[in-house]
Amino acid sequence: RPPFGTEEGSLPYSKPTQLFTPLGW
């Protein structure tokens, strides 16, 4: 749901694992 998504200004997250940094996860 907004504000997540691929549109300009949206948050570029789509799953909970992105709460972490890539190395951290």
PDB file of all heavy atoms in Angstrom:
ATOM      1  N   ARG A   1       0.843  -1.197   0.000  1.00  0.00           N
ATOM      2  CA  ARG A   1       0.000   0.000   0.000  1.00  0.00           C
ATOM      3  C   ARG A   1       0.878   1.248   0.000  1.00  0.00           C
ATOM      4  O   ARG A   1       2.061   1.188   0.377  1.00  0.00           O
ATOM      5  CB  ARG A   1      -0.908   0.024   1.234  1.00  0.00           C
ATOM      6  CG  ARG A   1      -1.771  -1.234   1.419  1.00  0.00           C
ATOM      7  CD  ARG A   1      -2.541  -1.169   2.722  1.00  0.00           C
ATOM      8  NE  ARG A   1      -3.236  -2.414   3.016  1.00  0.00           N
ATOM      9  CZ  ARG A   1      -4.440  -2.734   2.591  1.00  0.00           C
ATOM     10  NH1 ARG A   1      -5.102  -1.863   1.830  1.00  0.00           N
ATOM     11  NH2 ARG A   1      -5.011  -3.877   2.916  1.00  0.00           N
ATOM     12  N   PRO A   2       0.336   2.416  -0.420  1.00  0.00           N
ATOM     13  CA  PRO A   2       1.092   3.663  -0.312  1.00  0.00           C
ATOM     14  C   PRO A   2       1.440   3.913   1.165  1.00  0.00           C
ATOM     15  O   PRO A   2       0.661   3.520   2.047  1.00  0.00           O
ATOM     16  CB  PRO A   2       0.114   4.718  -0.834  1.00  0.00           C
ATOM     17  CG  PRO A   2      -0.854   3.954  -1.675  1.00  0.00           C
ATOM     18  CD  PRO A   2      -0.983   2.612  -1.031  1.00  0.00           C
ATOM     19  N   PRO A   3       2.614   4.497   1.453  1.00  0.00           N
ATOM     20  CA  PRO A   3       3.541   5.152   0.525  1.00  0.00           C
ATOM     21  C   PRO A   3       4.591   4.231  -0.078  1.00  0.00           C
ATOM     22  O   PRO A   3       5.618   4.715  -0.559  1.00  0.00           O
ATOM     23  CB  PRO A   3       4.205   6.198   1.430  1.00  0.00           C
ATOM     24  CG  PRO A   3       4.262   5.526   2.759  1.00  0.00           C
ATOM     25  CD  PRO A   3       3.004   4.716   2.854  1.00  0.00           C
ATOM     26  N   PHE A   4       4.386   2.908  -0.045  1.00  0.00           N
ATOM     27  CA  PHE A   4       5.332   1.998  -0.669  1.00  0.00           C
ATOM     28  C   PHE A   4       4.992   1.853  -2.146  1.00  0.00           C
ATOM     29  O   PHE A   4       3.828   1.927  -2.538  1.00  0.00           O
ATOM     30  CB  PHE A   4       5.284   0.633   0.012  1.00  0.00           C
ATOM     31  CG  PHE A   4       5.654   0.673   1.468  1.00  0.00           C
ATOM     32  CD1 PHE A   4       4.660   0.727   2.432  1.00  0.00           C
ATOM     33  CD2 PHE A   4       6.970   0.685   1.871  1.00  0.00           C
ATOM     34  CE1 PHE A   4       4.974   0.769   3.785  1.00  0.00           C
ATOM     35  CE2 PHE A   4       7.302   0.723   3.210  1.00  0.00           C
ATOM     36  CZ  PHE A   4       6.308   0.776   4.167  1.00  0.00           C
ATOM     37  N   GLY A   5       6.000   1.623  -2.973  1.00  0.00           N
ATOM     38  CA  GLY A   5       5.765   1.438  -4.398  1.00  0.00           C
ATOM     39  C   GLY A   5       6.961   1.858  -5.214  1.00  0.00           C
ATOM     40  O   GLY A   5       8.029   2.195  -4.684  1.00  0.00           O
ATOM     41  N   THR A   6       6.776   1.866  -6.523  1.00  0.00           N
ATOM     42  CA  THR A   6       7.869   2.205  -7.440  1.00  0.00           C
ATOM     43  C   THR A   6       7.738   3.614  -8.007  1.00  0.00           C
ATOM     44  O   THR A   6       8.619   4.074  -8.732  1.00  0.00           O
ATOM     45  CB  THR A   6       7.901   1.195  -8.609  1.00  0.00           C
ATOM     46  OG1 THR A   6       6.620   1.192  -9.265  1.00  0.00           O
ATOM     47  CG2 THR A   6       8.202  -0.209  -8.085  1.00  0.00           C
ATOM     48  N   GLU A   7       6.628   4.287  -7.678  1.00  0.00           N
ATOM     49  CA  GLU A   7       6.438   5.636  -8.202  1.00  0.00           C
ATOM     50  C   GLU A   7       7.411   6.609  -7.531  1.00  0.00           C
ATOM     51  O   GLU A   7       7.912   6.362  -6.435  1.00  0.00           O
ATOM     52  CB  GLU A   7       5.001   6.093  -7.970  1.00  0.00           C
ATOM     53  CG  GLU A   7       3.962   5.227  -8.675  1.00  0.00           C
ATOM     54  CD  GLU A   7       2.549   5.696  -8.375  1.00  0.00           C
ATOM     55  OE1 GLU A   7       2.406   6.709  -7.659  1.00  0.00           O
ATOM     56  OE2 GLU A   7       1.603   5.050  -8.843  1.00  0.00           O
ATOM     57  N   GLU A   8       7.638   7.728  -8.201  1.00  0.00           N
ATOM     58  CA  GLU A   8       8.563   8.724  -7.678  1.00  0.00           C
ATOM     59  C   GLU A   8       8.050   9.256  -6.335  1.00  0.00           C
ATOM     60  O   GLU A   8       6.891   9.595  -6.174  1.00  0.00           O
ATOM     61  CB  GLU A   8       8.699   9.882  -8.676  1.00  0.00           C
ATOM     62  CG  GLU A   8       9.746  10.904  -8.257  1.00  0.00           C
ATOM     63  CD  GLU A   8       9.918  11.999  -9.285  1.00  0.00           C
ATOM     64  OE1 GLU A   8       9.326  11.878 -10.379  1.00  0.00           O
ATOM     65  OE2 GLU A   8      10.630  12.975  -8.995  1.00  0.00           O
ATOM     66  N   GLY A   9       8.951   9.295  -5.361  1.00  0.00           N
ATOM     67  CA  GLY A   9       8.582   9.767  -4.036  1.00  0.00           C
ATOM     68  C   GLY A   9       8.091   8.685  -3.096  1.00  0.00           C
ATOM     69  O   GLY A   9       7.933   8.919  -1.899  1.00  0.00           O
ATOM     70  N   SER A  10       7.839   7.485  -3.630  1.00  0.00           N
ATOM     71  CA  SER A  10       7.373   6.384  -2.794  1.00  0.00           C
ATOM     72  C   SER A  10       8.554   5.704  -2.116  1.00  0.00           C
ATOM     73  O   SER A  10       9.706   5.822  -2.547  1.00  0.00           O
ATOM     74  CB  SER A  10       6.610   5.357  -3.627  1.00  0.00           C
ATOM     75  OG  SER A  10       5.454   5.934  -4.200  1.00  0.00           O
ATOM     76  N   LEU A  11       8.282   4.982  -1.048  1.00  0.00           N
ATOM     77  CA  LEU A  11       9.324   4.233  -0.359  1.00  0.00           C
ATOM     78  C   LEU A  11       9.662   2.976  -1.160  1.00  0.00           C
ATOM     79  O   LEU A  11       8.769   2.189  -1.471  1.00  0.00           O
ATOM     80  CB  LEU A  11       8.856   3.846   1.042  1.00  0.00           C
ATOM     81  CG  LEU A  11       8.772   4.989   2.067  1.00  0.00           C
ATOM     82  CD1 LEU A  11       8.091   4.508   3.331  1.00  0.00           C
ATOM     83  CD2 LEU A  11      10.152   5.535   2.387  1.00  0.00           C
ATOM     84  N   PRO A  12      10.922   2.762  -1.485  1.00  0.00           N
ATOM     85  CA  PRO A  12      11.303   1.623  -2.340  1.00  0.00           C
ATOM     86  C   PRO A  12      11.468   0.326  -1.559  1.00  0.00           C
ATOM     87  O   PRO A  12      12.485  -0.354  -1.649  1.00  0.00           O
ATOM     88  CB  PRO A  12      12.636   2.093  -2.923  1.00  0.00           C
ATOM     89  CG  PRO A  12      13.241   2.923  -1.842  1.00  0.00           C
ATOM     90  CD  PRO A  12      12.084   3.614  -1.159  1.00  0.00           C
ATOM     91  N   TYR A  13      10.471  -0.033  -0.781  1.00  0.00           N
ATOM     92  CA  TYR A  13      10.529  -1.271  -0.009  1.00  0.00           C
ATOM     93  C   TYR A  13       9.307  -2.104  -0.350  1.00  0.00           C
ATOM     94  O   TYR A  13       8.224  -1.583  -0.554  1.00  0.00           O
ATOM     95  CB  TYR A  13      10.554  -0.986   1.493  1.00  0.00           C
ATOM     96  CG  TYR A  13      11.683  -0.076   1.926  1.00  0.00           C
ATOM     97  CD1 TYR A  13      11.449   1.268   2.223  1.00  0.00           C
ATOM     98  CD2 TYR A  13      12.980  -0.559   2.035  1.00  0.00           C
ATOM     99  CE1 TYR A  13      12.479   2.108   2.627  1.00  0.00           C
ATOM    100  CE2 TYR A  13      14.023   0.274   2.435  1.00  0.00           C
ATOM    101  CZ  TYR A  13      13.763   1.608   2.724  1.00  0.00           C
ATOM    102  OH  TYR A  13      14.785   2.419   3.100  1.00  0.00           O
ATOM    103  N   SER A  14       9.493  -3.417  -0.365  1.00  0.00           N
ATOM    104  CA  SER A  14       8.374  -4.292  -0.716  1.00  0.00           C
ATOM    105  C   SER A  14       8.238  -5.496   0.206  1.00  0.00           C
ATOM    106  O   SER A  14       7.294  -6.263   0.072  1.00  0.00           O
ATOM    107  CB  SER A  14       8.527  -4.787  -2.158  1.00  0.00           C
ATOM    108  OG  SER A  14       9.751  -5.508  -2.307  1.00  0.00           O
ATOM    109  N   LYS A  15       9.173  -5.655   1.147  1.00  0.00           N
ATOM    110  CA  LYS A  15       9.117  -6.806   2.041  1.00  0.00           C
ATOM    111  C   LYS A  15       9.824  -6.477   3.358  1.00  0.00           C
ATOM    112  O   LYS A  15      10.705  -5.614   3.404  1.00  0.00           O
ATOM    113  CB  LYS A  15       9.753  -8.035   1.390  1.00  0.00           C
ATOM    114  CG  LYS A  15      11.137  -7.793   0.816  1.00  0.00           C
ATOM    115  CD  LYS A  15      11.611  -8.993   0.016  1.00  0.00           C
ATOM    116  CE  LYS A  15      12.980  -8.716  -0.617  1.00  0.00           C
ATOM    117  NZ  LYS A  15      13.445  -9.862  -1.415  1.00  0.00           N
ATOM    118  N   PRO A  16       9.461  -7.165   4.431  1.00  0.00           N
ATOM    119  CA  PRO A  16      10.003  -6.851   5.753  1.00  0.00           C
ATOM    120  C   PRO A  16      11.514  -7.010   5.874  1.00  0.00           C
ATOM    121  O   PRO A  16      12.129  -6.343   6.698  1.00  0.00           O
ATOM    122  CB  PRO A  16       9.271  -7.847   6.667  1.00  0.00           C
ATOM    123  CG  PRO A  16       8.015  -8.184   5.952  1.00  0.00           C
ATOM    124  CD  PRO A  16       8.368  -8.157   4.504  1.00  0.00           C
ATOM    125  N   THR A  17      12.135  -7.888   5.077  1.00  0.00           N
ATOM    126  CA  THR A  17      13.583  -8.077   5.199  1.00  0.00           C
ATOM    127  C   THR A  17      14.339  -6.804   4.849  1.00  0.00           C
ATOM    128  O   THR A  17      15.501  -6.647   5.233  1.00  0.00           O
ATOM    129  CB  THR A  17      14.063  -9.211   4.285  1.00  0.00           C
ATOM    130  OG1 THR A  17      13.632  -8.955   2.939  1.00  0.00           O
ATOM    131  CG2 THR A  17      13.502 -10.553   4.733  1.00  0.00           C
ATOM    132  N   GLN A  18      13.687  -5.891   4.141  1.00  0.00           N
ATOM    133  CA  GLN A  18      14.343  -4.640   3.783  1.00  0.00           C
ATOM    134  C   GLN A  18      14.384  -3.654   4.945  1.00  0.00           C
ATOM    135  O   GLN A  18      14.904  -2.546   4.805  1.00  0.00           O
ATOM    136  CB  GLN A  18      13.640  -4.014   2.572  1.00  0.00           C
ATOM    137  CG  GLN A  18      13.826  -4.828   1.295  1.00  0.00           C
ATOM    138  CD  GLN A  18      13.001  -4.293   0.137  1.00  0.00           C
ATOM    139  OE1 GLN A  18      11.842  -3.920   0.310  1.00  0.00           O
ATOM    140  NE2 GLN A  18      13.594  -4.281  -1.046  1.00  0.00           N
ATOM    141  N   LEU A  19      13.827  -4.073   6.104  1.00  0.00           N
ATOM    142  CA  LEU A  19      14.004  -3.272   7.312  1.00  0.00           C
ATOM    143  C   LEU A  19      15.476  -3.268   7.719  1.00  0.00           C
ATOM    144  O   LEU A  19      15.927  -2.381   8.439  1.00  0.00           O
ATOM    145  CB  LEU A  19      13.158  -3.835   8.461  1.00  0.00           C
ATOM    146  CG  LEU A  19      11.635  -3.790   8.297  1.00  0.00           C
ATOM    147  CD1 LEU A  19      10.974  -4.555   9.424  1.00  0.00           C
ATOM    148  CD2 LEU A  19      11.142  -2.366   8.258  1.00  0.00           C
ATOM    149  N   PHE A  20      16.224  -4.279   7.259  1.00  0.00           N
ATOM    150  CA  PHE A  20      17.631  -4.410   7.587  1.00  0.00           C
ATOM    151  C   PHE A  20      18.481  -3.965   6.395  1.00  0.00           C
ATOM    152  O   PHE A  20      17.998  -3.894   5.262  1.00  0.00           O
ATOM    153  CB  PHE A  20      17.971  -5.865   7.926  1.00  0.00           C
ATOM    154  CG  PHE A  20      17.062  -6.479   8.949  1.00  0.00           C
ATOM    155  CD1 PHE A  20      15.921  -7.169   8.557  1.00  0.00           C
ATOM    156  CD2 PHE A  20      17.335  -6.362  10.301  1.00  0.00           C
ATOM    157  CE1 PHE A  20      15.080  -7.740   9.496  1.00  0.00           C
ATOM    158  CE2 PHE A  20      16.496  -6.926  11.246  1.00  0.00           C
ATOM    159  CZ  PHE A  20      15.370  -7.617  10.853  1.00  0.00           C
ATOM    160  N   THR A  21      19.751  -3.682   6.662  1.00  0.00           N
ATOM    161  CA  THR A  21      20.675  -3.442   5.557  1.00  0.00           C
ATOM    162  C   THR A  21      20.929  -4.777   4.856  1.00  0.00           C
ATOM    163  O   THR A  21      20.791  -5.844   5.460  1.00  0.00           O
ATOM    164  CB  THR A  21      22.006  -2.871   6.072  1.00  0.00           C
ATOM    165  OG1 THR A  21      22.592  -3.824   6.965  1.00  0.00           O
ATOM    166  CG2 THR A  21      21.788  -1.557   6.809  1.00  0.00           C
ATOM    167  N   PRO A  22      21.305  -4.772   3.551  1.00  0.00           N
ATOM    168  CA  PRO A  22      21.541  -6.039   2.845  1.00  0.00           C
ATOM    169  C   PRO A  22      22.561  -6.928   3.554  1.00  0.00           C
ATOM    170  O   PRO A  22      22.347  -8.135   3.702  1.00  0.00           O
ATOM    171  CB  PRO A  22      22.044  -5.582   1.471  1.00  0.00           C
ATOM    172  CG  PRO A  22      21.425  -4.234   1.279  1.00  0.00           C
ATOM    173  CD  PRO A  22      21.418  -3.607   2.651  1.00  0.00           C
ATOM    174  N   LEU A  23      23.676  -6.349   4.008  1.00  0.00           N
ATOM    175  CA  LEU A  23      24.688  -7.138   4.709  1.00  0.00           C
ATOM    176  C   LEU A  23      24.148  -7.646   6.033  1.00  0.00           C
ATOM    177  O   LEU A  23      24.370  -8.794   6.423  1.00  0.00           O
ATOM    178  CB  LEU A  23      25.947  -6.294   4.938  1.00  0.00           C
ATOM    179  CG  LEU A  23      27.081  -6.984   5.724  1.00  0.00           C
ATOM    180  CD1 LEU A  23      27.543  -8.234   4.987  1.00  0.00           C
ATOM    181  CD2 LEU A  23      28.239  -6.012   5.944  1.00  0.00           C
ATOM    182  N   GLY A  24      23.397  -6.768   6.731  1.00  0.00           N
ATOM    183  CA  GLY A  24      22.835  -7.160   8.019  1.00  0.00           C
ATOM    184  C   GLY A  24      21.894  -8.341   7.887  1.00  0.00           C
ATOM    185  O   GLY A  24      21.968  -9.297   8.673  1.00  0.00           O
ATOM    186  N   TRP A  25      21.008  -8.318   6.890  1.00  0.00           N
ATOM    187  CA  TRP A  25      20.076  -9.422   6.728  1.00  0.00           C
ATOM    188  C   TRP A  25      20.794 -10.698   6.302  1.00  0.00           C
ATOM    189  O   TRP A  25      20.422 -11.789   6.716  1.00  0.00           O
ATOM    190  CB  TRP A  25      18.984  -9.083   5.723  1.00  0.00           C
ATOM    191  CG  TRP A  25      18.072 -10.256   5.472  1.00  0.00           C
ATOM    192  CD1 TRP A  25      17.915 -10.967   4.329  1.00  0.00           C
ATOM    193  CD2 TRP A  25      17.233 -10.889   6.433  1.00  0.00           C
ATOM    194  NE1 TRP A  25      17.029 -11.992   4.509  1.00  0.00           N
ATOM    195  CE2 TRP A  25      16.590 -11.964   5.803  1.00  0.00           C
ATOM    196  CE3 TRP A  25      16.957 -10.645   7.781  1.00  0.00           C
ATOM    197  CZ2 TRP A  25      15.693 -12.798   6.456  1.00  0.00           C
ATOM    198  CZ3 TRP A  25      16.066 -11.468   8.441  1.00  0.00           C
ATOM    199  CH2 TRP A  25      15.435 -12.534   7.771  1.00  0.00           C
TER     200      TRP A  25
END
